[in-house]
Amino acid sequence: MKTVWKVLIGILAAILVLFIAAEAGSRAYIGSQMRDQAPEGTEVSFGASPLTLGMLRGTIPHVTVTTPSTLVVNGDETTGQPASTVEMDSIKVDASGKSVADTLTATTEVPSEFVRAMLNTQLQQNIGSDFLSALINVSEVTTSPEDGTFTVEFSGGAAAVSLRPEIDDAGGFSVQAVDTSLFGNTLPDEISSAITEALTNGVAEYTDQTMRITGFDVVPGGLRVTMQGHNVDFAELQAYQQ
């Protein structure tokens, strides 16, 4: 997601220099400028509201940016970013160039292989014991959308834990272990706790006080994460994501 935020900052910079463009030309030209700031295949739309009128008032009514996946998973190493859709409403731009979106909603789907790699990275950082680090190595992640859970397997299926993501009323994210096993027996609490903590910490890397998780859904082959923020200052968001 960090690349997505950088793309958005570049998009806002491109828009700032185009306030005098005519409506018909501005949509095409701004869209082109946005795509130049983003990965190949990026789609940009502005909704039905007149773009020029809003810009003359210092407000961009709506922007939707859809970026394709550039994600590559090689073992526990990942490069690129998963596909994302970002919707921004009522982006206010003042004379100093400060840009604030009334509402910003970002949705991304991460494949199971990315979740596996992220969990292994977080587990290595969180577990101090060399023995546990060797034991808790994620070999596969599978999803069960019908009951809202996903299963993390270790050592080729010798051990497994089924997890259910939850978001509380305050917007706090956590995962709960609903079923654990080790060679057919219950998995020790220490191991299941390390897994749930690793996933929670991994997701927390992409959120701050501005952006909160509003959706975390189990889908075929991966997880769909939705974040939303209100009165989002792009400068602050950029500083956080660097």
C-alpha atoms as a PDB file:
ATOM      1  CA  MET A   1       0.000   0.000   0.000  1.00  0.00           C
ATOM      2  CA  LYS A   2       2.919   2.386   0.513  1.00  0.00           C
ATOM      3  CA  THR A   3       3.321   2.724  -3.254  1.00  0.00           C
ATOM      4  CA  VAL A   4      -0.383   3.537  -3.562  1.00  0.00           C
ATOM      5  CA  TRP A   5      -0.037   6.491  -1.177  1.00  0.00           C
ATOM      6  CA  LYS A   6       2.973   7.799  -3.137  1.00  0.00           C
ATOM      7  CA  VAL A   7       0.948   7.530  -6.340  1.00  0.00           C
ATOM      8  CA  LEU A   8      -1.868   9.545  -4.766  1.00  0.00           C
ATOM      9  CA  ILE A   9       0.509  12.308  -3.712  1.00  0.00           C
ATOM     10  CA  GLY A  10       1.843  12.482  -7.260  1.00  0.00           C
ATOM     11  CA  ILE A  11      -1.695  12.637  -8.601  1.00  0.00           C
ATOM     12  CA  LEU A  12      -2.572  15.600  -6.387  1.00  0.00           C
ATOM     13  CA  ALA A  13       0.580  17.395  -7.516  1.00  0.00           C
ATOM     14  CA  ALA A  14      -0.437  16.900 -11.150  1.00  0.00           C
ATOM     15  CA  ILE A  15      -3.952  18.212 -10.516  1.00  0.00           C
ATOM     16  CA  LEU A  16      -2.706  21.416  -8.878  1.00  0.00           C
ATOM     17  CA  VAL A  17      -1.204  22.731 -12.117  1.00  0.00           C
ATOM     18  CA  LEU A  18      -4.337  22.092 -14.191  1.00  0.00           C
ATOM     19  CA  PHE A  19      -6.930  24.410 -12.650  1.00  0.00           C
ATOM     20  CA  ILE A  20      -7.312  26.534 -15.792  1.00  0.00           C
ATOM     21  CA  ALA A  21      -8.034  23.596 -18.121  1.00  0.00           C
ATOM     22  CA  ALA A  22     -11.442  23.331 -19.775  1.00  0.00           C
ATOM     23  CA  GLU A  23     -13.773  20.568 -18.559  1.00  0.00           C
ATOM     24  CA  ALA A  24     -13.566  18.312 -21.601  1.00  0.00           C
ATOM     25  CA  GLY A  25      -9.809  18.599 -21.868  1.00  0.00           C
ATOM     26  CA  SER A  26      -9.138  18.490 -18.148  1.00  0.00           C
ATOM     27  CA  ARG A  27     -10.577  15.032 -17.624  1.00  0.00           C
ATOM     28  CA  ALA A  28      -8.515  13.538 -20.426  1.00  0.00           C
ATOM     29  CA  TYR A  29      -5.346  15.463 -19.582  1.00  0.00           C
ATOM     30  CA  ILE A  30      -5.532  15.017 -15.812  1.00  0.00           C
ATOM     31  CA  GLY A  31      -6.245  11.338 -16.305  1.00  0.00           C
ATOM     32  CA  SER A  32      -3.135  11.123 -18.473  1.00  0.00           C
ATOM     33  CA  GLN A  33      -1.043  12.974 -15.870  1.00  0.00           C
ATOM     34  CA  MET A  34      -2.274  10.638 -13.137  1.00  0.00           C
ATOM     35  CA  ARG A  35      -1.445   7.542 -15.140  1.00  0.00           C
ATOM     36  CA  ASP A  36       2.044   8.912 -15.776  1.00  0.00           C
ATOM     37  CA  GLN A  37       2.529   9.047 -11.981  1.00  0.00           C
ATOM     38  CA  ALA A  38       1.312   5.477 -11.483  1.00  0.00           C
ATOM     39  CA  PRO A  39       2.129   1.920 -12.622  1.00  0.00           C
ATOM     40  CA  GLU A  40       1.237   0.890 -16.177  1.00  0.00           C
ATOM     41  CA  GLY A  41      -2.403  -0.132 -16.427  1.00  0.00           C
ATOM     42  CA  THR A  42      -3.640   2.354 -13.811  1.00  0.00           C
ATOM     43  CA  GLU A  43      -7.225   3.526 -14.413  1.00  0.00           C
ATOM     44  CA  VAL A  44      -8.467   6.962 -13.327  1.00  0.00           C
ATOM     45  CA  SER A  45     -12.049   8.278 -13.255  1.00  0.00           C
ATOM     46  CA  PHE A  46     -13.663  11.430 -11.875  1.00  0.00           C
ATOM     47  CA  GLY A  47     -17.312  10.478 -11.361  1.00  0.00           C
ATOM     48  CA  ALA A  48     -20.301  12.378 -12.782  1.00  0.00           C
ATOM     49  CA  SER A  49     -19.773  15.760 -11.073  1.00  0.00           C
ATOM     50  CA  PRO A  50     -18.363  18.607 -13.252  1.00  0.00           C
ATOM     51  CA  LEU A  51     -14.618  18.594 -12.684  1.00  0.00           C
ATOM     52  CA  THR A  52     -13.780  22.147 -13.749  1.00  0.00           C
ATOM     53  CA  LEU A  53     -16.495  23.793 -11.629  1.00  0.00           C
ATOM     54  CA  GLY A  54     -15.314  21.940  -8.560  1.00  0.00           C
ATOM     55  CA  MET A  55     -11.670  22.778  -9.259  1.00  0.00           C
ATOM     56  CA  LEU A  56     -12.460  26.489  -9.611  1.00  0.00           C
ATOM     57  CA  ARG A  57     -13.953  26.296  -6.122  1.00  0.00           C
ATOM     58  CA  GLY A  58     -10.819  24.615  -4.839  1.00  0.00           C
ATOM     59  CA  THR A  59     -12.445  21.197  -4.569  1.00  0.00           C
ATOM     60  CA  ILE A  60     -12.088  18.086  -6.702  1.00  0.00           C
ATOM     61  CA  PRO A  61     -15.451  16.299  -6.293  1.00  0.00           C
ATOM     62  CA  HIS A  62     -14.360  12.695  -6.770  1.00  0.00           C
ATOM     63  CA  VAL A  63     -11.421  10.634  -7.978  1.00  0.00           C
ATOM     64  CA  THR A  64     -11.151   6.861  -8.294  1.00  0.00           C
ATOM     65  CA  VAL A  65      -7.731   5.334  -8.932  1.00  0.00           C
ATOM     66  CA  THR A  66      -7.426   1.631  -9.728  1.00  0.00           C
ATOM     67  CA  THR A  67      -3.900   0.216  -9.844  1.00  0.00           C
ATOM     68  CA  PRO A  68      -3.059  -3.268 -11.155  1.00  0.00           C
ATOM     69  CA  SER A  69      -1.086  -5.807  -9.194  1.00  0.00           C
ATOM     70  CA  THR A  70       2.683  -5.633  -9.511  1.00  0.00           C
ATOM     71  CA  LEU A  71       3.148  -8.130  -6.687  1.00  0.00           C
ATOM     72  CA  VAL A  72       5.762 -10.874  -6.982  1.00  0.00           C
ATOM     73  CA  VAL A  73       6.236 -13.407  -4.174  1.00  0.00           C
ATOM     74  CA  ASN A  74       9.492 -15.375  -4.124  1.00  0.00           C
ATOM     75  CA  GLY A  75       9.687 -17.537  -1.021  1.00  0.00           C
ATOM     76  CA  ASP A  76       9.292 -15.127   1.885  1.00  0.00           C
ATOM     77  CA  GLU A  77      10.451 -12.146  -0.186  1.00  0.00           C
ATOM     78  CA  THR A  78       7.902  -9.865  -1.831  1.00  0.00           C
ATOM     79  CA  THR A  79       8.268  -7.045  -4.333  1.00  0.00           C
ATOM     80  CA  GLY A  80       5.671  -4.763  -5.866  1.00  0.00           C
ATOM     81  CA  GLN A  81       2.148  -4.160  -4.586  1.00  0.00           C
ATOM     82  CA  PRO A  82      -1.199  -5.964  -4.806  1.00  0.00           C
ATOM     83  CA  ALA A  83      -4.006  -4.484  -6.902  1.00  0.00           C
ATOM     84  CA  SER A  84      -5.798  -1.597  -5.192  1.00  0.00           C
ATOM     85  CA  THR A  85      -8.774   0.701  -5.670  1.00  0.00           C
ATOM     86  CA  VAL A  86      -8.707   4.108  -3.978  1.00  0.00           C
ATOM     87  CA  GLU A  87     -11.733   6.414  -3.918  1.00  0.00           C
ATOM     88  CA  MET A  88     -11.428  10.043  -2.792  1.00  0.00           C
ATOM     89  CA  ASP A  89     -14.313  12.465  -2.256  1.00  0.00           C
ATOM     90  CA  SER A  90     -14.261  16.268  -1.936  1.00  0.00           C
ATOM     91  CA  ILE A  91     -10.519  16.859  -2.183  1.00  0.00           C
ATOM     92  CA  LYS A  92      -9.914  20.422  -1.029  1.00  0.00           C
ATOM     93  CA  VAL A  93      -6.814  22.206  -2.319  1.00  0.00           C
ATOM     94  CA  ASP A  94      -5.788  25.570  -0.836  1.00  0.00           C
ATOM     95  CA  ALA A  95      -3.443  28.257  -2.174  1.00  0.00           C
ATOM     96  CA  SER A  96      -0.462  26.750  -0.371  1.00  0.00           C
ATOM     97  CA  GLY A  97      -0.980  23.425  -2.101  1.00  0.00           C
ATOM     98  CA  LYS A  98      -2.294  21.611   0.975  1.00  0.00           C
ATOM     99  CA  SER A  99      -4.651  18.837  -0.087  1.00  0.00           C
ATOM    100  CA  VAL A 100      -7.227  17.219   2.206  1.00  0.00           C
ATOM    101  CA  ALA A 101      -9.801  14.591   1.206  1.00  0.00           C
ATOM    102  CA  ASP A 102     -13.091  14.555   3.095  1.00  0.00           C
ATOM    103  CA  THR A 103     -13.164  10.789   2.677  1.00  0.00           C
ATOM    104  CA  LEU A 104     -10.576   8.352   1.352  1.00  0.00           C
ATOM    105  CA  THR A 105     -11.373   4.662   0.954  1.00  0.00           C
ATOM    106  CA  ALA A 106      -8.742   2.141  -0.146  1.00  0.00           C
ATOM    107  CA  THR A 107      -9.466  -1.498  -0.951  1.00  0.00           C
ATOM    108  CA  THR A 108      -6.930  -4.167  -1.832  1.00  0.00           C
ATOM    109  CA  GLU A 109      -7.002  -7.941  -2.234  1.00  0.00           C
ATOM    110  CA  VAL A 110      -3.908  -9.782  -1.079  1.00  0.00           C
ATOM    111  CA  PRO A 111      -3.311 -13.347  -2.318  1.00  0.00           C
ATOM    112  CA  SER A 112      -2.709 -16.202   0.098  1.00  0.00           C
ATOM    113  CA  GLU A 113       0.958 -16.434  -0.929  1.00  0.00           C
ATOM    114  CA  PHE A 114       1.494 -12.819   0.140  1.00  0.00           C
ATOM    115  CA  VAL A 115      -0.175 -13.536   3.504  1.00  0.00           C
ATOM    116  CA  ARG A 116       2.104 -16.561   3.973  1.00  0.00           C
ATOM    117  CA  ALA A 117       5.223 -14.501   3.244  1.00  0.00           C
ATOM    118  CA  MET A 118       4.059 -11.644   5.497  1.00  0.00           C
ATOM    119  CA  LEU A 119       3.361 -14.042   8.371  1.00  0.00           C
ATOM    120  CA  ASN A 120       6.790 -15.641   8.109  1.00  0.00           C
ATOM    121  CA  THR A 121       8.475 -12.231   8.098  1.00  0.00           C
ATOM    122  CA  GLN A 122       6.501 -11.046  11.127  1.00  0.00           C
ATOM    123  CA  LEU A 123       7.000 -14.325  13.000  1.00  0.00           C
ATOM    124  CA  GLN A 124      10.766 -14.116  12.603  1.00  0.00           C
ATOM    125  CA  GLN A 125      10.681 -10.590  14.023  1.00  0.00           C
ATOM    126  CA  ASN A 126       8.362 -11.414  16.926  1.00  0.00           C
ATOM    127  CA  ILE A 127       9.692 -14.762  18.146  1.00  0.00           C
ATOM    128  CA  GLY A 128      12.911 -14.638  20.136  1.00  0.00           C
ATOM    129  CA  SER A 129      13.295 -18.401  20.599  1.00  0.00           C
ATOM    130  CA  ASP A 130      15.422 -20.105  17.922  1.00  0.00           C
ATOM    131  CA  PHE A 131      13.504 -23.340  18.550  1.00  0.00           C
ATOM    132  CA  LEU A 132      10.119 -21.717  17.987  1.00  0.00           C
ATOM    133  CA  SER A 133      11.432 -19.800  14.975  1.00  0.00           C
ATOM    134  CA  ALA A 134      12.416 -23.094  13.373  1.00  0.00           C
ATOM    135  CA  LEU A 135       9.127 -24.767  14.317  1.00  0.00           C
ATOM    136  CA  ILE A 136       6.749 -21.974  13.320  1.00  0.00           C
ATOM    137  CA  ASN A 137       7.348 -21.674   9.597  1.00  0.00           C
ATOM    138  CA  VAL A 138       4.253 -21.089   7.500  1.00  0.00           C
ATOM    139  CA  SER A 139       4.087 -23.445   4.522  1.00  0.00           C
ATOM    140  CA  GLU A 140       0.616 -22.609   3.191  1.00  0.00           C
ATOM    141  CA  VAL A 141      -2.384 -20.337   3.730  1.00  0.00           C
ATOM    142  CA  THR A 142      -5.834 -21.412   2.537  1.00  0.00           C
ATOM    143  CA  THR A 143      -9.123 -19.524   2.764  1.00  0.00           C
ATOM    144  CA  SER A 144     -12.693 -20.567   3.618  1.00  0.00           C
ATOM    145  CA  PRO A 145     -14.969 -17.669   2.591  1.00  0.00           C
ATOM    146  CA  GLU A 146     -18.098 -19.619   3.554  1.00  0.00           C
ATOM    147  CA  ASP A 147     -17.303 -19.413   7.279  1.00  0.00           C
ATOM    148  CA  GLY A 148     -15.084 -16.318   7.213  1.00  0.00           C
ATOM    149  CA  THR A 149     -11.881 -18.085   8.254  1.00  0.00           C
ATOM    150  CA  PHE A 150      -8.472 -18.797   6.798  1.00  0.00           C
ATOM    151  CA  THR A 151      -6.113 -21.606   7.774  1.00  0.00           C
ATOM    152  CA  VAL A 152      -2.374 -21.274   8.313  1.00  0.00           C
ATOM    153  CA  GLU A 153      -0.432 -24.519   7.881  1.00  0.00           C
ATOM    154  CA  PHE A 154       3.081 -25.310   9.104  1.00  0.00           C
ATOM    155  CA  SER A 155       5.686 -27.845   8.012  1.00  0.00           C
ATOM    156  CA  GLY A 156       3.601 -29.135   5.123  1.00  0.00           C
ATOM    157  CA  GLY A 157       0.435 -29.525   7.177  1.00  0.00           C
ATOM    158  CA  ALA A 158       1.909 -31.082  10.334  1.00  0.00           C
ATOM    159  CA  ALA A 159       0.316 -28.243  12.300  1.00  0.00           C
ATOM    160  CA  ALA A 160      -2.441 -25.787  11.472  1.00  0.00           C
ATOM    161  CA  VAL A 161      -4.471 -22.952  12.951  1.00  0.00           C
ATOM    162  CA  SER A 162      -7.757 -21.570  11.624  1.00  0.00           C
ATOM    163  CA  LEU A 163      -8.226 -17.840  12.150  1.00  0.00           C
ATOM    164  CA  ARG A 164     -11.173 -15.471  11.971  1.00  0.00           C
ATOM    165  CA  PRO A 165     -10.498 -11.718  11.439  1.00  0.00           C
ATOM    166  CA  GLU A 166     -12.547  -9.346  13.594  1.00  0.00           C
ATOM    167  CA  ILE A 167     -13.070  -5.586  13.737  1.00  0.00           C
ATOM    168  CA  ASP A 168     -14.513  -4.134  16.948  1.00  0.00           C
ATOM    169  CA  ASP A 169     -16.882  -1.172  17.274  1.00  0.00           C
ATOM    170  CA  ALA A 170     -13.925   1.194  17.741  1.00  0.00           C
ATOM    171  CA  GLY A 171     -12.313   0.043  14.487  1.00  0.00           C
ATOM    172  CA  GLY A 172      -9.656  -2.092  16.180  1.00  0.00           C
ATOM    173  CA  PHE A 173      -8.464  -5.105  14.174  1.00  0.00           C
ATOM    174  CA  SER A 174      -7.602  -8.515  15.595  1.00  0.00           C
ATOM    175  CA  VAL A 175      -7.651 -12.182  14.630  1.00  0.00           C
ATOM    176  CA  GLN A 176      -9.045 -15.000  16.759  1.00  0.00           C
ATOM    177  CA  ALA A 177      -7.841 -18.609  16.651  1.00  0.00           C
ATOM    178  CA  VAL A 178     -10.933 -20.812  16.215  1.00  0.00           C
ATOM    179  CA  ASP A 179      -9.237 -24.181  15.668  1.00  0.00           C
ATOM    180  CA  THR A 180      -5.664 -25.406  16.200  1.00  0.00           C
ATOM    181  CA  SER A 181      -3.896 -28.717  15.703  1.00  0.00           C
ATOM    182  CA  LEU A 182      -0.422 -30.278  15.927  1.00  0.00           C
ATOM    183  CA  PHE A 183      -0.158 -33.841  14.593  1.00  0.00           C
ATOM    184  CA  GLY A 184      -3.863 -34.147  15.324  1.00  0.00           C
ATOM    185  CA  ASN A 185      -3.590 -32.594  18.797  1.00  0.00           C
ATOM    186  CA  THR A 186      -4.364 -29.074  20.024  1.00  0.00           C
ATOM    187  CA  LEU A 187      -1.654 -26.563  19.134  1.00  0.00           C
ATOM    188  CA  PRO A 188       0.090 -24.975  22.166  1.00  0.00           C
ATOM    189  CA  ASP A 189      -1.314 -21.561  23.112  1.00  0.00           C
ATOM    190  CA  GLU A 190       2.143 -19.975  22.777  1.00  0.00           C
ATOM    191  CA  ILE A 191       2.298 -20.870  19.093  1.00  0.00           C
ATOM    192  CA  SER A 192      -1.244 -19.798  18.181  1.00  0.00           C
ATOM    193  CA  SER A 193      -0.716 -16.531  20.088  1.00  0.00           C
ATOM    194  CA  ALA A 194       2.488 -15.841  18.131  1.00  0.00           C
ATOM    195  CA  ILE A 195       0.619 -16.344  14.854  1.00  0.00           C
ATOM    196  CA  THR A 196      -2.291 -14.054  15.728  1.00  0.00           C
ATOM    197  CA  GLU A 197       0.121 -11.382  16.974  1.00  0.00           C
ATOM    198  CA  ALA A 198       2.191 -11.618  13.773  1.00  0.00           C
ATOM    199  CA  LEU A 199      -0.834 -11.086  11.536  1.00  0.00           C
ATOM    200  CA  THR A 200      -2.200  -8.245  13.659  1.00  0.00           C
ATOM    201  CA  ASN A 201       1.191  -6.484  13.597  1.00  0.00           C
ATOM    202  CA  GLY A 202       1.557  -7.041   9.857  1.00  0.00           C
ATOM    203  CA  VAL A 203      -1.767  -5.353   9.149  1.00  0.00           C
ATOM    204  CA  ALA A 204      -0.974  -2.522  11.598  1.00  0.00           C
ATOM    205  CA  GLU A 205       1.994  -1.499   9.406  1.00  0.00           C
ATOM    206  CA  TYR A 206      -0.463  -0.149   6.848  1.00  0.00           C
ATOM    207  CA  THR A 207      -2.663   1.866   9.196  1.00  0.00           C
ATOM    208  CA  ASP A 208      -2.294   4.926  11.395  1.00  0.00           C
ATOM    209  CA  GLN A 209      -4.581   7.364  13.182  1.00  0.00           C
ATOM    210  CA  THR A 210      -5.739   8.726   9.815  1.00  0.00           C
ATOM    211  CA  MET A 211      -6.560   5.441   8.085  1.00  0.00           C
ATOM    212  CA  ARG A 212      -8.470   2.692   9.881  1.00  0.00           C
ATOM    213  CA  ILE A 213      -9.481  -0.777   8.774  1.00  0.00           C
ATOM    214  CA  THR A 214     -13.218  -0.919   8.040  1.00  0.00           C
ATOM    215  CA  GLY A 215     -13.336  -4.288   6.309  1.00  0.00           C
ATOM    216  CA  PHE A 216     -11.296  -7.480   6.436  1.00  0.00           C
ATOM    217  CA  ASP A 217     -12.969 -10.202   4.395  1.00  0.00           C
ATOM    218  CA  VAL A 218     -11.931 -13.737   3.554  1.00  0.00           C
ATOM    219  CA  VAL A 219     -12.292 -14.268  -0.209  1.00  0.00           C
ATOM    220  CA  PRO A 220     -11.363 -17.140  -2.537  1.00  0.00           C
ATOM    221  CA  GLY A 221      -7.576 -17.303  -2.720  1.00  0.00           C
ATOM    222  CA  GLY A 222      -6.838 -14.440  -0.361  1.00  0.00           C
ATOM    223  CA  LEU A 223      -8.032 -11.592   1.844  1.00  0.00           C
ATOM    224  CA  ARG A 224      -9.772  -8.320   0.971  1.00  0.00           C
ATOM    225  CA  VAL A 225      -8.795  -5.372   3.172  1.00  0.00           C
ATOM    226  CA  THR A 226     -10.637  -2.029   3.170  1.00  0.00           C
ATOM    227  CA  MET A 227      -9.319   1.085   4.922  1.00  0.00           C
ATOM    228  CA  GLN A 228     -11.030   4.434   5.290  1.00  0.00           C
ATOM    229  CA  GLY A 229     -10.083   7.840   6.597  1.00  0.00           C
ATOM    230  CA  HIS A 230     -11.816  11.198   7.011  1.00  0.00           C
ATOM    231  CA  ASN A 231     -10.207  14.622   6.588  1.00  0.00           C
ATOM    232  CA  VAL A 232      -7.117  12.906   5.206  1.00  0.00           C
ATOM    233  CA  ASP A 233      -4.188  15.313   4.819  1.00  0.00           C
ATOM    234  CA  PHE A 234      -2.055  13.992   1.969  1.00  0.00           C
ATOM    235  CA  ALA A 235       1.145  15.534   3.339  1.00  0.00           C
ATOM    236  CA  GLU A 236       0.660  13.772   6.678  1.00  0.00           C
ATOM    237  CA  LEU A 237      -0.224  10.538   4.933  1.00  0.00           C
ATOM    238  CA  GLN A 238       2.888  10.745   2.777  1.00  0.00           C
ATOM    239  CA  ALA A 239       5.111  11.423   5.808  1.00  0.00           C
ATOM    240  CA  TYR A 240       3.689   8.398   7.611  1.00  0.00           C
ATOM    241  CA  GLN A 241       4.120   6.052   4.659  1.00  0.00           C
ATOM    242  CA  GLN A 242       7.751   6.954   3.935  1.00  0.00           C
END
